[in-house]
Amino acid sequence: QVQLVESGGGLVQPGGSLRLSCAASGFTFSSYAMNWYRQAPGKERELVATINNVGVSTNYADSVKGRFTISRDNAKNTMYLQMNTLKPEDTAVYYCSAVVWERFTPRRYWGQGTQVTVSS
């Protein structure tokens, strides 16, 4: 059974930093690309960052480029999102996600989310 569990969210002042973690289980973590999404109140869920299965290729939303860094440790089945120079507009619930193939059918899985609030 695929499980994705986020942690590391919290309240931080503008300009501060947080590191989110996503612990994965139930699938071969090292075989799959992983994503971070976020959803702010009243807004649609948006893709924040993507990392390929071995961690050498990454992509970011324009709004977080230069401030956020996605990474993974395949030995620990864990993905990370280092968030620096946080802004109030980064306030959202952050989700990790992956599309996992099961019986020749792709299925997207989501974690439960972790709240990030950027406020003074």
Protein backbone atom coordinates (compact mmCIF):
# COMPACT_ATOMS: atom_id res chain seq x y z
CA GLN A 1 0.00 0.00 0.00
CA VAL A 2 1.45 3.32 -1.12
CA GLN A 3 1.88 5.86 1.66
CA LEU A 4 3.28 9.38 1.53
CA VAL A 5 3.71 11.23 4.82
CA GLU A 6 4.76 14.87 4.93
CA SER A 7 6.30 16.64 7.91
CA GLY A 8 8.17 19.82 8.72
CA GLY A 9 5.55 22.48 8.20
CA GLY A 10 4.89 25.29 10.63
CA LEU A 11 4.77 29.01 11.22
CA VAL A 12 7.72 31.07 10.05
CA GLN A 13 8.40 34.76 9.63
CA PRO A 14 8.92 36.28 6.18
CA GLY A 15 12.50 35.69 5.06
CA GLY A 16 12.76 32.53 7.13
CA SER A 17 13.37 28.94 6.15
CA LEU A 18 11.72 25.56 6.54
CA ARG A 19 12.55 22.07 5.34
CA LEU A 20 9.72 19.73 4.47
CA SER A 21 10.12 15.97 4.35
CA CYS A 22 8.07 13.29 2.61
CA ALA A 23 8.50 9.71 3.78
CA ALA A 24 7.42 7.18 1.17
CA SER A 25 6.53 3.50 1.49
CA GLY A 26 4.70 0.77 -0.36
CA PHE A 27 6.44 1.21 -3.72
CA THR A 28 9.93 1.21 -5.20
CA PHE A 29 10.76 4.81 -4.34
CA SER A 30 13.95 4.93 -6.39
CA SER A 31 12.05 4.10 -9.59
CA TYR A 32 9.72 7.10 -9.57
CA ALA A 33 9.82 10.84 -10.04
CA MET A 34 8.36 12.77 -7.14
CA ASN A 35 6.55 16.08 -6.84
CA TRP A 36 5.77 18.78 -4.32
CA TYR A 37 2.46 20.60 -4.76
CA ARG A 38 0.84 23.32 -2.69
CA GLN A 39 -2.65 24.70 -2.25
CA ALA A 40 -3.41 28.09 -0.76
CA PRO A 41 -6.85 28.97 0.60
CA GLY A 42 -9.26 29.66 -2.23
CA LYS A 43 -6.75 28.67 -4.91
CA GLU A 44 -6.16 25.62 -7.04
CA ARG A 45 -3.45 23.14 -6.17
CA GLU A 46 -0.25 24.03 -8.02
CA LEU A 47 2.93 22.13 -8.86
CA VAL A 48 5.90 23.53 -6.95
CA ALA A 49 8.80 21.24 -7.82
CA THR A 50 9.63 17.92 -9.47
CA ILE A 51 12.62 15.60 -9.10
CA ASN A 52 13.43 12.58 -11.24
CA ASN A 53 13.93 9.13 -9.81
CA VAL A 54 17.67 9.45 -9.23
CA GLY A 55 17.63 13.07 -8.19
CA VAL A 56 19.75 14.56 -10.97
CA SER A 57 16.96 16.41 -12.77
CA THR A 58 14.73 18.99 -11.09
CA ASN A 59 12.14 21.54 -12.15
CA TYR A 60 10.53 24.41 -10.27
CA ALA A 61 7.60 26.74 -10.58
CA ASP A 62 8.74 30.24 -11.53
CA SER A 63 7.41 31.56 -8.22
CA VAL A 64 9.89 29.49 -6.18
CA LYS A 65 12.95 29.31 -8.43
CA GLY A 66 16.09 30.34 -6.61
CA ARG A 67 14.43 30.01 -3.20
CA PHE A 68 13.31 26.36 -2.97
CA THR A 69 15.39 23.23 -3.48
CA ILE A 70 13.93 19.77 -4.00
CA SER A 71 16.05 16.73 -3.16
CA ARG A 72 15.73 13.07 -2.29
CA ASP A 73 17.53 10.31 -0.44
CA ASN A 74 16.66 7.02 -2.06
CA ALA A 75 18.39 5.07 0.71
CA LYS A 76 15.88 6.58 3.16
CA ASN A 77 12.87 6.61 0.81
CA THR A 78 12.50 10.29 1.61
CA MET A 79 12.07 13.48 -0.41
CA TYR A 80 12.75 16.98 0.84
CA LEU A 81 11.86 20.57 0.03
CA GLN A 82 14.21 23.19 1.41
CA MET A 83 12.39 26.51 1.42
CA ASN A 84 14.40 29.69 1.92
CA THR A 85 13.52 33.37 1.83
CA LEU A 86 9.90 32.51 2.49
CA LYS A 87 7.20 35.00 1.56
CA PRO A 88 3.63 35.38 2.82
CA GLU A 89 2.42 34.17 -0.57
CA ASP A 90 4.13 30.82 0.10
CA THR A 91 1.50 30.15 2.76
CA ALA A 92 -0.28 26.96 1.76
CA VAL A 93 -0.75 23.29 2.50
CA TYR A 94 2.15 21.44 0.90
CA TYR A 95 1.66 17.95 -0.51
CA CYS A 96 4.05 15.36 -1.82
CA SER A 97 2.83 13.27 -4.70
CA ALA A 98 3.84 10.53 -7.08
CA VAL A 99 2.35 8.68 -10.02
CA VAL A 100 2.87 4.98 -9.37
CA TRP A 101 2.18 2.24 -11.88
CA GLU A 102 0.01 -0.56 -10.51
CA ARG A 103 -1.06 -3.46 -12.70
CA PHE A 104 -0.19 -1.47 -15.86
CA THR A 105 -2.28 1.49 -14.71
CA PRO A 106 -0.82 4.78 -13.46
CA ARG A 107 -2.29 6.18 -10.27
CA ARG A 108 -1.45 9.45 -8.55
CA TYR A 109 -0.97 9.29 -4.82
CA TRP A 110 -1.02 12.19 -2.35
CA GLY A 111 0.18 12.68 1.17
CA GLN A 112 -2.05 14.23 3.81
CA GLY A 113 -0.32 17.60 3.50
CA THR A 114 1.58 19.83 5.89
CA GLN A 115 0.65 23.44 6.62
CA VAL A 116 3.18 26.19 5.98
CA THR A 117 2.29 29.64 7.24
CA VAL A 118 4.52 32.62 6.53
CA SER A 119 3.53 35.56 8.69
CA SER A 120 5.01 38.14 11.02
